[in-house]
Amino acid sequence: MHTANLDSVALGSTDLSRLKWRCRRGLLENDLFIERFFKRYEGALTVRHAAGLQQLMDLADNDLMELLLARREPEAELASPEVIEVLGMLRAR
């Protein structure tokens, strides 16, 4: 297999299912953002998007909500290009 840039590799159905399960949250507000994200982008998600989303899912619910509502921006190691891209997708109305 040729080692192409993984950023543009589409997620397979199994990886997508795992990602959706991983994204289940305790706050309804966060779930609404995430549900809308998957409805819009599910068919176009890449390994890069999954990496950014998983970094966001490592946050506590209240910290995630602050980012989703643009009350704050990612800082330090969380301010990676993939996190910033996915956060913009999550915030899109």
N, C-alpha and C. Protein backbone atom coordinates (compact mmCIF):
# COMPACT_ATOMS: atom_id res chain seq x y z
N MET A 1 0.85 -1.18 0.00
CA MET A 1 0.00 0.00 0.00
C MET A 1 0.89 1.24 0.00
N HIS A 2 0.57 2.17 -0.82
CA HIS A 2 1.30 3.42 -0.91
C HIS A 2 0.91 4.29 0.28
N THR A 3 1.87 4.87 0.96
CA THR A 3 1.59 5.68 2.14
C THR A 3 1.24 7.10 1.74
N ALA A 4 -0.02 7.33 1.48
CA ALA A 4 -0.52 8.65 1.13
C ALA A 4 -0.70 9.46 2.40
N ASN A 5 -0.91 10.72 2.25
CA ASN A 5 -1.17 11.61 3.37
C ASN A 5 -2.48 11.17 4.04
N LEU A 6 -2.40 10.76 5.29
CA LEU A 6 -3.57 10.26 6.00
C LEU A 6 -4.62 11.34 6.27
N ASP A 7 -4.23 12.60 6.16
CA ASP A 7 -5.18 13.68 6.41
C ASP A 7 -6.40 13.59 5.51
N SER A 8 -6.23 13.07 4.31
CA SER A 8 -7.34 13.05 3.36
C SER A 8 -7.99 11.67 3.23
N VAL A 9 -7.56 10.70 4.03
CA VAL A 9 -8.14 9.35 3.97
C VAL A 9 -9.49 9.36 4.66
N ALA A 10 -10.52 8.90 3.96
CA ALA A 10 -11.87 8.87 4.52
C ALA A 10 -11.97 7.82 5.62
N LEU A 11 -12.83 8.08 6.58
CA LEU A 11 -13.07 7.12 7.65
C LEU A 11 -13.93 5.98 7.12
N GLY A 12 -13.61 4.78 7.51
CA GLY A 12 -14.44 3.63 7.19
C GLY A 12 -15.65 3.59 8.11
N SER A 13 -16.60 2.74 7.79
CA SER A 13 -17.84 2.69 8.58
C SER A 13 -17.60 2.25 10.02
N THR A 14 -16.67 1.33 10.23
CA THR A 14 -16.38 0.88 11.59
C THR A 14 -15.75 2.00 12.41
N ASP A 15 -14.78 2.71 11.81
CA ASP A 15 -14.15 3.83 12.50
C ASP A 15 -15.14 4.94 12.77
N LEU A 16 -16.05 5.18 11.84
CA LEU A 16 -17.07 6.20 12.02
C LEU A 16 -17.99 5.83 13.17
N SER A 17 -18.39 4.58 13.25
CA SER A 17 -19.25 4.13 14.35
C SER A 17 -18.55 4.29 15.69
N ARG A 18 -17.27 3.94 15.75
CA ARG A 18 -16.50 4.10 16.99
C ARG A 18 -16.40 5.58 17.37
N LEU A 19 -16.18 6.43 16.38
CA LEU A 19 -16.07 7.86 16.64
C LEU A 19 -17.39 8.41 17.17
N LYS A 20 -18.49 8.01 16.59
CA LYS A 20 -19.80 8.46 17.08
C LYS A 20 -20.02 8.04 18.52
N TRP A 21 -19.66 6.80 18.82
CA TRP A 21 -19.81 6.31 20.19
C TRP A 21 -18.94 7.12 21.14
N ARG A 22 -17.74 7.42 20.73
CA ARG A 22 -16.79 8.19 21.53
C ARG A 22 -17.30 9.61 21.79
N CYS A 23 -18.13 10.12 20.91
CA CYS A 23 -18.60 11.50 20.99
C CYS A 23 -19.84 11.67 21.86
N ARG A 24 -20.35 10.60 22.40
CA ARG A 24 -21.52 10.73 23.28
C ARG A 24 -21.14 11.53 24.51
N ARG A 25 -21.95 12.52 24.83
CA ARG A 25 -21.62 13.45 25.92
C ARG A 25 -22.69 13.44 27.00
N GLY A 26 -22.37 14.06 28.13
CA GLY A 26 -23.30 14.16 29.25
C GLY A 26 -24.17 15.41 29.20
N LEU A 27 -23.79 16.38 28.41
CA LEU A 27 -24.58 17.61 28.30
C LEU A 27 -25.35 17.62 26.98
N LEU A 28 -26.64 17.85 27.07
CA LEU A 28 -27.48 17.89 25.88
C LEU A 28 -27.00 18.93 24.88
N GLU A 29 -26.55 20.08 25.37
CA GLU A 29 -26.10 21.15 24.48
C GLU A 29 -24.94 20.67 23.60
N ASN A 30 -24.00 19.96 24.19
CA ASN A 30 -22.88 19.42 23.42
C ASN A 30 -23.38 18.38 22.42
N ASP A 31 -24.28 17.52 22.86
CA ASP A 31 -24.82 16.50 21.97
C ASP A 31 -25.50 17.11 20.74
N LEU A 32 -26.16 18.24 20.92
CA LEU A 32 -26.84 18.89 19.80
C LEU A 32 -25.82 19.37 18.76
N PHE A 33 -24.73 19.95 19.21
CA PHE A 33 -23.67 20.37 18.29
C PHE A 33 -23.10 19.17 17.55
N ILE A 34 -22.84 18.10 18.29
CA ILE A 34 -22.20 16.91 17.72
C ILE A 34 -23.15 16.20 16.75
N GLU A 35 -24.43 16.13 17.10
CA GLU A 35 -25.42 15.51 16.21
C GLU A 35 -25.50 16.26 14.88
N ARG A 36 -25.54 17.58 14.96
CA ARG A 36 -25.58 18.40 13.74
C ARG A 36 -24.32 18.21 12.91
N PHE A 37 -23.16 18.11 13.57
CA PHE A 37 -21.89 17.88 12.91
C PHE A 37 -21.93 16.59 12.09
N PHE A 38 -22.38 15.51 12.70
CA PHE A 38 -22.42 14.23 11.99
C PHE A 38 -23.45 14.24 10.86
N LYS A 39 -24.57 14.90 11.06
CA LYS A 39 -25.56 14.99 9.98
C LYS A 39 -25.00 15.70 8.76
N ARG A 40 -24.21 16.73 8.98
CA ARG A 40 -23.65 17.51 7.88
C ARG A 40 -22.44 16.86 7.22
N TYR A 41 -21.55 16.29 8.02
CA TYR A 41 -20.23 15.91 7.52
C TYR A 41 -19.92 14.41 7.53
N GLU A 42 -20.85 13.61 8.00
CA GLU A 42 -20.58 12.18 8.18
C GLU A 42 -19.92 11.52 6.97
N GLY A 43 -20.41 11.80 5.78
CA GLY A 43 -19.87 11.17 4.58
C GLY A 43 -18.54 11.70 4.11
N ALA A 44 -18.09 12.81 4.68
CA ALA A 44 -16.85 13.44 4.23
C ALA A 44 -15.76 13.45 5.29
N LEU A 45 -15.97 12.81 6.42
CA LEU A 45 -14.99 12.86 7.50
C LEU A 45 -13.75 12.05 7.15
N THR A 46 -12.61 12.62 7.54
CA THR A 46 -11.32 11.99 7.26
C THR A 46 -10.63 11.60 8.57
N VAL A 47 -9.52 10.94 8.45
CA VAL A 47 -8.70 10.59 9.61
C VAL A 47 -8.29 11.86 10.36
N ARG A 48 -7.99 12.90 9.63
CA ARG A 48 -7.62 14.18 10.25
C ARG A 48 -8.76 14.73 11.09
N HIS A 49 -9.98 14.71 10.56
CA HIS A 49 -11.14 15.18 11.32
C HIS A 49 -11.34 14.33 12.58
N ALA A 50 -11.20 13.03 12.44
CA ALA A 50 -11.37 12.14 13.59
C ALA A 50 -10.36 12.46 14.68
N ALA A 51 -9.12 12.74 14.30
CA ALA A 51 -8.09 13.07 15.28
C ALA A 51 -8.44 14.36 16.02
N GLY A 52 -8.89 15.36 15.29
CA GLY A 52 -9.28 16.62 15.93
C GLY A 52 -10.47 16.45 16.84
N LEU A 53 -11.45 15.69 16.39
CA LEU A 53 -12.65 15.47 17.19
C LEU A 53 -12.32 14.68 18.45
N GLN A 54 -11.46 13.70 18.35
CA GLN A 54 -11.10 12.92 19.53
C GLN A 54 -10.37 13.78 20.56
N GLN A 55 -9.56 14.71 20.10
CA GLN A 55 -8.90 15.62 21.05
C GLN A 55 -9.93 16.48 21.78
N LEU A 56 -10.93 16.93 21.06
CA LEU A 56 -11.99 17.72 21.70
C LEU A 56 -12.80 16.87 22.68
N MET A 57 -13.01 15.59 22.37
CA MET A 57 -13.80 14.72 23.23
C MET A 57 -13.06 14.38 24.53
N ASP A 58 -11.76 14.63 24.58
CA ASP A 58 -11.00 14.42 25.81
C ASP A 58 -11.28 15.50 26.85
N LEU A 59 -11.92 16.57 26.43
CA LEU A 59 -12.23 17.67 27.34
C LEU A 59 -13.43 17.34 28.23
N ALA A 60 -13.50 18.00 29.37
CA ALA A 60 -14.69 17.93 30.22
C ALA A 60 -15.84 18.60 29.46
N ASP A 61 -17.06 18.18 29.78
CA ASP A 61 -18.23 18.71 29.08
C ASP A 61 -18.31 20.23 29.11
N ASN A 62 -18.08 20.83 30.26
CA ASN A 62 -18.18 22.30 30.35
C ASN A 62 -17.10 23.00 29.54
N ASP A 63 -15.90 22.43 29.51
CA ASP A 63 -14.83 23.02 28.71
C ASP A 63 -15.15 22.92 27.22
N LEU A 64 -15.71 21.79 26.80
CA LEU A 64 -16.11 21.62 25.41
C LEU A 64 -17.20 22.62 25.05
N MET A 65 -18.17 22.79 25.93
CA MET A 65 -19.25 23.72 25.65
C MET A 65 -18.73 25.14 25.48
N GLU A 66 -17.77 25.54 26.30
CA GLU A 66 -17.17 26.88 26.17
C GLU A 66 -16.55 27.07 24.79
N LEU A 67 -15.90 26.04 24.28
CA LEU A 67 -15.30 26.12 22.94
C LEU A 67 -16.39 26.15 21.86
N LEU A 68 -17.38 25.29 22.00
CA LEU A 68 -18.44 25.23 20.99
C LEU A 68 -19.21 26.54 20.89
N LEU A 69 -19.41 27.19 22.01
CA LEU A 69 -20.13 28.46 22.03
C LEU A 69 -19.22 29.66 21.74
N ALA A 70 -17.95 29.39 21.43
CA ALA A 70 -16.95 30.42 21.12
C ALA A 70 -16.75 31.40 22.27
N ARG A 71 -16.93 30.92 23.48
CA ARG A 71 -16.62 31.74 24.66
C ARG A 71 -15.13 31.74 24.94
N ARG A 72 -14.45 30.76 24.36
CA ARG A 72 -12.98 30.71 24.42
C ARG A 72 -12.48 29.95 23.21
N GLU A 73 -11.17 30.04 23.00
CA GLU A 73 -10.54 29.37 21.86
C GLU A 73 -9.55 28.33 22.37
N PRO A 74 -9.24 27.33 21.55
CA PRO A 74 -8.26 26.32 21.97
C PRO A 74 -6.91 26.95 22.26
N GLU A 75 -6.24 26.44 23.27
CA GLU A 75 -4.93 26.94 23.66
C GLU A 75 -3.93 25.80 23.75
N ALA A 76 -2.66 26.15 23.72
CA ALA A 76 -1.54 25.21 23.89
C ALA A 76 -1.67 24.04 22.92
N GLU A 77 -1.50 22.82 23.43
CA GLU A 77 -1.50 21.65 22.54
C GLU A 77 -2.86 21.39 21.90
N LEU A 78 -3.93 21.94 22.47
CA LEU A 78 -5.26 21.77 21.88
C LEU A 78 -5.44 22.64 20.64
N ALA A 79 -4.59 23.62 20.44
CA ALA A 79 -4.71 24.54 19.31
C ALA A 79 -4.05 23.97 18.05
N SER A 80 -4.22 22.69 17.81
CA SER A 80 -3.65 22.06 16.61
C SER A 80 -4.53 22.38 15.40
N PRO A 81 -3.96 22.31 14.20
CA PRO A 81 -4.75 22.62 13.00
C PRO A 81 -6.00 21.74 12.85
N GLU A 82 -5.88 20.45 13.20
CA GLU A 82 -7.06 19.58 13.05
C GLU A 82 -8.16 19.92 14.06
N VAL A 83 -7.78 20.30 15.27
CA VAL A 83 -8.78 20.70 16.27
C VAL A 83 -9.47 21.99 15.82
N ILE A 84 -8.69 22.94 15.36
CA ILE A 84 -9.26 24.22 14.93
C ILE A 84 -10.21 24.01 13.75
N GLU A 85 -9.84 23.14 12.82
CA GLU A 85 -10.71 22.86 11.67
C GLU A 85 -12.02 22.21 12.12
N VAL A 86 -11.93 21.19 12.96
CA VAL A 86 -13.13 20.50 13.42
C VAL A 86 -14.00 21.42 14.28
N LEU A 87 -13.38 22.23 15.10
CA LEU A 87 -14.13 23.17 15.92
C LEU A 87 -14.91 24.13 15.04
N GLY A 88 -14.30 24.60 13.97
CA GLY A 88 -15.02 25.47 13.03
C GLY A 88 -16.20 24.74 12.39
N MET A 89 -16.03 23.48 12.09
CA MET A 89 -17.13 22.68 11.52
C MET A 89 -18.25 22.50 12.55
N LEU A 90 -17.87 22.26 13.79
CA LEU A 90 -18.87 22.09 14.85
C LEU A 90 -19.63 23.38 15.11
N ARG A 91 -18.96 24.50 15.00
CA ARG A 91 -19.59 25.81 15.27
C ARG A 91 -20.45 26.29 14.11
N ALA A 92 -20.27 25.77 12.92
CA ALA A 92 -21.00 26.25 11.74
C ALA A 92 -22.50 26.10 11.96
N ARG A 93 -23.21 27.13 11.60
CA ARG A 93 -24.68 27.11 11.80
C ARG A 93 -25.42 26.75 10.57
